[in-house]
Amino acid sequence: MTGFTVGDDLAGTRLDVALADHLDVSRSRAVRRIEAGEVTVDGAAVGKQHRLRSGERVEVAAPADTPAAAPPALPPIRYRDDHLVVVAKPPGLVVHPGAGHAGDTLVDALRAAGIPLAPAGGEDRPGIVHRLDRDTSGLLVVACTDDAYTGLVAALASREVSRRYLALVVGVPTEPRGRVEGPIGRDPLHRTRFAVVAGGKPAVTRYRTLATGAAPGDPPTPVSLVACTLETGRTHQLRVHLSTLGNPVVGDPTYVPRRGVATALGAVRPLLHAAALRFSHPVTGEVVAVDEPAPADLREACERAGLPLPETLDS
């Protein structure tokens, strides 16, 4: 059994729409689960068109015939000691268990490998202090002890952890470098998306254009390789802020209105990669600096667009 409590941001949303977003599945799959009686709202079965109200509790029962998934392979470890581990997450891997994902997540892979995870993160999110979207690749730090967990959470809150990304985007940013400051919340017109909205959570992104090229086509479409630094860590932050600039991430099915560029460059997921991680160790105080080369799909897309890839991202 899993579920969620409806917040103000989801009030008025149809149950099937909110459930599809929460489970990270198609709406048709969400509807099948509702119709199968696996979903209740405040303990009662309701229809797919039920409009959610703030404070309602949505519960989702595990399908009776769903076998436990085998844990995935352990991703490459780039740093490890007794207190924490830094992994290179591949695209397609969900970070922690939740509705629709049990046994097939990064947490499950770490547990299966015998790596201890800080209990302070909670039963479903042990050791998890920040996350990457399922289809984002790159570096993620996970706490193995509660001391490390507490220290990393505090460092993230005070913006003392440097997280830098590579993004392949549509078009060329108007300014070669800049700072995007826009609060992020649910998109009022598309409740499964996020957007820059009044009353959203504060969010700040810094970006720098590294190179420009073009996706093959008639005519070719300009694309750019951009380095981004997170000052905050909101859901979909980079994808939303880059889209707000008019330069959405290539291959992003949620925020890119045109799919032709992704097809031309062979992108089957948002080409966003967590390339550099810098922080002071929460227990020893030593500087931890890790870089992760771009994965094969991002390298190949850049080659098609005539874009050089940097070996590392400097500050």
Protein backbone atom coordinates (compact mmCIF):
# COMPACT_ATOMS: atom_id res chain seq x y z
CA MET A 1 0.00 0.00 0.00
CA THR A 2 1.24 3.45 -0.89
CA GLY A 3 -0.35 6.80 -1.45
CA PHE A 4 -0.25 10.55 -1.03
CA THR A 5 -2.11 13.40 0.62
CA VAL A 6 -3.57 15.96 -1.77
CA GLY A 7 -1.96 19.37 -1.44
CA ASP A 8 -3.25 22.71 -2.65
CA ASP A 9 -1.25 22.27 -5.87
CA LEU A 10 -3.33 19.21 -6.83
CA ALA A 11 -6.73 20.46 -5.66
CA GLY A 12 -9.20 20.30 -8.54
CA THR A 13 -7.15 17.78 -10.51
CA ARG A 14 -8.86 14.65 -11.83
CA LEU A 15 -7.89 11.50 -9.98
CA ASP A 16 -6.61 9.69 -13.08
CA VAL A 17 -4.36 12.62 -14.03
CA ALA A 18 -2.87 12.97 -10.53
CA LEU A 19 -2.45 9.20 -10.18
CA ALA A 20 -0.63 8.87 -13.51
CA ASP A 21 1.78 11.59 -12.40
CA HIS A 22 2.30 10.05 -8.96
CA LEU A 23 2.87 6.53 -10.31
CA ASP A 24 4.88 7.76 -13.31
CA VAL A 25 2.69 5.71 -15.66
CA SER A 26 0.39 6.44 -18.60
CA ARG A 27 -3.07 7.76 -17.86
CA SER A 28 -4.62 4.61 -19.35
CA ARG A 29 -2.64 2.52 -16.88
CA ALA A 30 -3.80 4.75 -14.03
CA VAL A 31 -7.41 4.35 -15.17
CA ARG A 32 -7.06 0.55 -15.20
CA ARG A 33 -5.85 0.62 -11.60
CA ILE A 34 -8.76 2.83 -10.55
CA GLU A 35 -11.25 0.58 -12.33
CA ALA A 36 -9.64 -2.50 -10.74
CA GLY A 37 -10.52 -1.12 -7.30
CA GLU A 38 -6.89 -0.61 -6.32
CA VAL A 39 -7.31 3.11 -5.56
CA THR A 40 -9.33 4.79 -2.81
CA VAL A 41 -9.82 8.40 -1.77
CA ASP A 42 -10.36 8.84 1.97
CA GLY A 43 -11.09 5.12 2.15
CA ALA A 44 -13.75 5.06 -0.56
CA ALA A 45 -13.65 3.92 -4.17
CA VAL A 46 -14.31 6.77 -6.61
CA GLY A 47 -14.36 7.19 -10.36
CA LYS A 48 -11.49 8.33 -12.54
CA GLN A 49 -13.10 11.76 -13.00
CA HIS A 50 -13.23 12.50 -9.28
CA ARG A 51 -11.84 15.98 -8.64
CA LEU A 52 -9.39 15.90 -5.77
CA ARG A 53 -9.77 18.21 -2.78
CA SER A 54 -6.96 19.48 -0.60
CA GLY A 55 -6.38 17.19 2.38
CA GLU A 56 -7.85 14.04 0.82
CA ARG A 57 -5.78 10.88 1.18
CA VAL A 58 -5.26 8.78 -1.94
CA GLU A 59 -4.23 5.18 -1.26
CA VAL A 60 -2.96 2.77 -3.90
CA ALA A 61 -2.92 -0.96 -3.17
CA ALA A 62 -0.26 -3.15 -4.75
CA PRO A 63 -1.76 -5.36 -7.48
CA ALA A 64 -2.20 -8.86 -6.08
CA ASP A 65 -0.46 -10.50 -9.04
CA THR A 66 2.58 -8.24 -9.18
CA PRO A 67 5.77 -10.25 -8.50
CA ALA A 68 8.64 -8.61 -6.67
CA ALA A 69 11.09 -7.13 -9.13
CA ALA A 70 14.68 -8.32 -9.10
CA PRO A 71 17.06 -5.58 -7.95
CA PRO A 72 18.85 -3.81 -10.80
CA ALA A 73 22.57 -3.95 -11.34
CA LEU A 74 24.62 -1.72 -9.08
CA PRO A 75 25.60 1.46 -10.98
CA PRO A 76 29.29 2.42 -11.13
CA ILE A 77 30.58 3.76 -7.81
CA ARG A 78 32.77 6.85 -8.17
CA TYR A 79 33.48 7.48 -4.47
CA ARG A 80 32.86 5.46 -1.32
CA ASP A 81 33.80 5.46 2.34
CA ASP A 82 32.09 4.42 5.57
CA HIS A 83 29.76 7.42 5.53
CA LEU A 84 28.63 7.98 1.94
CA VAL A 85 28.76 6.77 -1.63
CA VAL A 86 28.66 8.63 -4.95
CA VAL A 87 27.18 6.66 -7.84
CA ALA A 88 26.89 7.31 -11.58
CA LYS A 89 23.19 6.71 -12.19
CA PRO A 90 22.28 5.51 -15.69
CA PRO A 91 19.21 6.90 -17.44
CA GLY A 92 16.05 4.88 -16.84
CA LEU A 93 16.81 4.02 -13.21
CA VAL A 94 14.40 5.35 -10.58
CA VAL A 95 16.17 6.56 -7.43
CA HIS A 96 13.94 5.24 -4.64
CA PRO A 97 10.91 2.97 -4.18
CA GLY A 98 7.44 4.44 -4.56
CA ALA A 99 4.15 3.77 -6.23
CA GLY A 100 4.79 1.76 -9.37
CA HIS A 101 8.43 1.09 -8.46
CA ALA A 102 9.22 -1.58 -5.89
CA GLY A 103 12.41 -3.60 -6.08
CA ASP A 104 13.73 -1.98 -9.27
CA THR A 105 15.30 1.23 -7.94
CA LEU A 106 18.74 2.56 -7.06
CA VAL A 107 17.97 2.03 -3.36
CA ASP A 108 17.22 -1.63 -4.09
CA ALA A 109 20.48 -1.99 -6.04
CA LEU A 110 22.48 -0.51 -3.15
CA ARG A 111 20.73 -2.71 -0.60
CA ALA A 112 21.31 -5.84 -2.70
CA ALA A 113 25.02 -4.97 -2.89
CA GLY A 114 25.18 -4.80 0.90
CA ILE A 115 25.82 -1.06 1.04
CA PRO A 116 24.36 0.41 4.27
CA LEU A 117 21.91 3.28 3.85
CA ALA A 118 21.14 5.94 6.47
CA PRO A 119 17.84 5.11 8.24
CA ALA A 120 17.21 8.84 8.74
CA GLY A 121 16.02 9.08 5.15
CA GLY A 122 12.94 7.00 5.95
CA GLU A 123 11.82 3.50 5.04
CA ASP A 124 11.38 4.18 1.30
CA ARG A 125 14.19 6.73 0.93
CA PRO A 126 17.04 5.55 3.17
CA GLY A 127 20.15 7.60 2.54
CA ILE A 128 18.56 9.70 -0.21
CA VAL A 129 19.39 13.39 0.25
CA HIS A 130 18.72 14.53 -3.33
CA ARG A 131 17.48 12.84 -6.45
CA LEU A 132 17.70 12.75 -10.21
CA ASP A 133 14.73 12.25 -12.52
CA ARG A 134 14.40 8.71 -13.82
CA ASP A 135 15.77 9.59 -17.26
CA THR A 136 18.54 11.93 -16.07
CA SER A 137 21.99 10.37 -15.95
CA GLY A 138 24.95 11.21 -13.76
CA LEU A 139 26.22 11.71 -10.24
CA LEU A 140 24.22 11.22 -7.07
CA VAL A 141 25.49 11.16 -3.48
CA VAL A 142 23.82 8.78 -1.01
CA ALA A 143 24.34 8.79 2.78
CA CYS A 144 25.35 5.55 4.47
CA THR A 145 25.13 6.87 8.05
CA ASP A 146 22.78 9.23 9.82
CA ASP A 147 25.64 11.64 10.56
CA ALA A 148 26.36 11.91 6.85
CA TYR A 149 22.65 12.24 6.06
CA THR A 150 22.19 15.14 8.49
CA GLY A 151 25.29 16.91 7.23
CA LEU A 152 24.45 16.50 3.55
CA VAL A 153 20.86 17.70 4.00
CA ALA A 154 22.16 20.80 5.80
CA ALA A 155 24.79 21.43 3.12
CA LEU A 156 22.21 21.18 0.35
CA ALA A 157 19.87 23.55 2.20
CA SER A 158 22.66 26.13 2.61
CA ARG A 159 23.74 25.72 -1.05
CA GLU A 160 27.14 24.34 -0.13
CA VAL A 161 26.92 21.42 -2.56
CA SER A 162 27.93 22.22 -6.14
CA ARG A 163 25.88 20.28 -8.71
CA ARG A 164 26.65 20.94 -12.35
CA TYR A 165 24.93 19.50 -15.38
CA LEU A 166 25.33 19.21 -19.12
CA ALA A 167 22.21 19.80 -21.19
CA LEU A 168 21.70 19.61 -24.93
CA VAL A 169 18.99 22.17 -25.72
CA VAL A 170 16.97 23.32 -28.71
CA GLY A 171 18.08 26.67 -30.12
CA VAL A 172 20.70 29.11 -28.87
CA PRO A 173 20.19 31.01 -25.59
CA THR A 174 19.82 34.75 -26.20
CA GLU A 175 22.48 35.49 -23.59
CA PRO A 176 25.54 33.20 -23.57
CA ARG A 177 25.42 32.99 -19.78
CA GLY A 178 22.94 34.03 -17.14
CA ARG A 179 20.93 33.31 -14.03
CA VAL A 180 17.33 32.16 -14.09
CA GLU A 181 15.36 32.94 -10.96
CA GLY A 182 11.77 31.77 -11.14
CA PRO A 183 9.57 30.04 -8.54
CA ILE A 184 8.47 26.55 -9.60
CA GLY A 185 5.11 24.94 -8.91
CA ARG A 186 2.44 22.88 -10.64
CA ASP A 187 1.46 24.16 -14.07
CA PRO A 188 -2.13 25.41 -13.62
CA LEU A 189 -3.02 24.35 -17.18
CA HIS A 190 -1.22 20.99 -17.22
CA ARG A 191 -1.29 19.50 -13.74
CA THR A 192 1.26 16.77 -14.51
CA ARG A 193 3.85 19.40 -15.42
CA PHE A 194 5.72 22.07 -13.51
CA ALA A 195 6.17 25.70 -14.48
CA VAL A 196 7.41 29.06 -13.27
CA VAL A 197 4.36 30.29 -11.34
CA ALA A 198 3.57 32.92 -8.74
CA GLY A 199 3.61 31.31 -5.31
CA GLY A 200 5.89 28.47 -6.39
CA LYS A 201 8.96 27.37 -4.49
CA PRO A 202 12.03 29.61 -5.00
CA ALA A 203 14.32 28.20 -7.68
CA VAL A 204 17.59 29.49 -9.12
CA THR A 205 19.66 28.12 -12.01
CA ARG A 206 22.88 29.47 -13.49
CA TYR A 207 23.79 28.51 -17.06
CA ARG A 208 26.60 28.97 -19.57
CA THR A 209 26.53 28.14 -23.29
CA LEU A 210 29.52 25.94 -24.14
CA ALA A 211 29.02 25.42 -27.88
CA THR A 212 26.42 25.70 -30.63
CA GLY A 213 25.68 23.36 -33.50
CA ALA A 214 22.76 22.08 -35.54
CA ALA A 215 20.54 19.02 -35.71
CA PRO A 216 20.42 17.53 -39.23
CA GLY A 217 17.35 18.50 -41.22
CA ASP A 218 16.01 20.69 -43.99
CA PRO A 219 16.68 23.25 -42.75
CA PRO A 220 18.99 22.23 -39.85
CA THR A 221 17.78 23.22 -36.37
CA PRO A 222 20.19 25.11 -34.11
CA VAL A 223 21.05 23.35 -30.85
CA SER A 224 23.38 24.22 -27.98
CA LEU A 225 25.38 22.45 -25.32
CA VAL A 226 24.80 24.23 -22.02
CA ALA A 227 26.42 23.87 -18.60
CA CYS A 228 23.98 24.44 -15.72
CA THR A 229 24.55 24.89 -12.00
CA LEU A 230 21.77 24.32 -9.49
CA GLU A 231 21.47 26.81 -6.65
CA THR A 232 18.25 25.08 -5.55
CA GLY A 233 16.84 21.64 -6.28
CA ARG A 234 13.19 21.69 -7.32
CA THR A 235 11.34 19.00 -9.25
CA HIS A 236 12.11 19.37 -12.98
CA GLN A 237 14.00 22.60 -12.20
CA LEU A 238 16.50 22.54 -15.06
CA ARG A 239 13.94 21.31 -17.56
CA VAL A 240 11.49 24.05 -16.56
CA HIS A 241 14.01 26.89 -16.40
CA LEU A 242 15.61 26.00 -19.74
CA SER A 243 12.18 25.74 -21.32
CA THR A 244 11.34 29.17 -19.86
CA LEU A 245 14.40 30.56 -21.66
CA GLY A 246 12.99 29.18 -24.90
CA ASN A 247 15.63 26.43 -25.01
CA PRO A 248 14.06 23.17 -23.80
CA VAL A 249 16.14 20.03 -23.33
CA VAL A 250 16.37 17.88 -26.46
CA GLY A 251 14.36 14.69 -26.07
CA ASP A 252 12.15 15.98 -23.24
CA PRO A 253 8.64 14.65 -23.96
CA THR A 254 7.07 16.92 -21.35
CA TYR A 255 8.44 20.37 -22.18
CA VAL A 256 9.44 20.17 -25.87
CA PRO A 257 6.62 21.00 -28.30
CA ARG A 258 8.53 19.60 -31.31
CA ARG A 259 9.97 16.07 -31.47
CA GLY A 260 11.83 16.37 -34.78
CA VAL A 261 15.07 17.52 -33.20
CA ALA A 262 15.14 14.54 -30.84
CA THR A 263 14.58 12.16 -33.77
CA ALA A 264 17.34 13.80 -35.82
CA LEU A 265 19.79 13.45 -32.94
CA GLY A 266 18.68 9.97 -31.86
CA ALA A 267 17.50 11.15 -28.43
CA VAL A 268 15.05 8.86 -26.65
CA ARG A 269 15.19 10.64 -23.28
CA PRO A 270 15.89 14.19 -22.07
CA LEU A 271 19.60 14.73 -22.76
CA LEU A 272 20.43 15.99 -19.28
CA HIS A 273 23.47 14.72 -17.38
CA ALA A 274 24.73 15.42 -13.84
CA ALA A 275 28.40 15.83 -14.74
CA ALA A 276 30.11 17.30 -11.67
CA LEU A 277 29.63 17.09 -7.92
CA ARG A 278 31.60 19.05 -5.31
CA PHE A 279 31.05 19.18 -1.54
CA SER A 280 32.80 19.08 1.80
CA HIS A 281 32.56 15.65 3.40
CA PRO A 282 29.94 15.99 6.17
CA VAL A 283 32.00 13.94 8.64
CA THR A 284 35.68 14.29 7.72
CA GLY A 285 35.57 17.76 6.19
CA GLU A 286 37.66 16.73 3.18
CA VAL A 287 36.68 18.05 -0.26
CA VAL A 288 34.92 15.46 -2.40
CA ALA A 289 35.17 16.29 -6.11
CA VAL A 290 33.76 13.86 -8.67
CA ASP A 291 33.31 14.23 -12.44
CA GLU A 292 31.36 11.91 -14.72
CA PRO A 293 31.87 11.83 -18.52
CA ALA A 294 28.82 12.18 -20.73
CA PRO A 295 27.06 8.86 -21.49
CA ALA A 296 27.02 7.35 -24.95
CA ASP A 297 23.66 8.78 -26.09
CA LEU A 298 24.66 12.35 -25.22
CA ARG A 299 28.06 11.91 -26.88
CA GLU A 300 26.47 10.55 -30.04
CA ALA A 301 23.89 13.35 -30.20
CA CYS A 302 26.62 15.95 -29.81
CA GLU A 303 28.63 14.32 -32.59
CA ARG A 304 25.63 14.46 -34.92
CA ALA A 305 25.18 18.15 -34.07
CA GLY A 306 28.88 18.97 -34.46
CA LEU A 307 29.29 19.88 -30.80
CA PRO A 308 32.51 19.31 -28.83
CA LEU A 309 32.10 17.84 -25.34
CA PRO A 310 34.25 19.12 -22.47
CA GLU A 311 36.13 16.54 -20.44
CA THR A 312 35.04 18.20 -17.19
CA LEU A 313 33.01 21.22 -16.12
CA ASP A 314 35.10 23.84 -14.34
CA SER A 315 33.49 26.30 -11.97
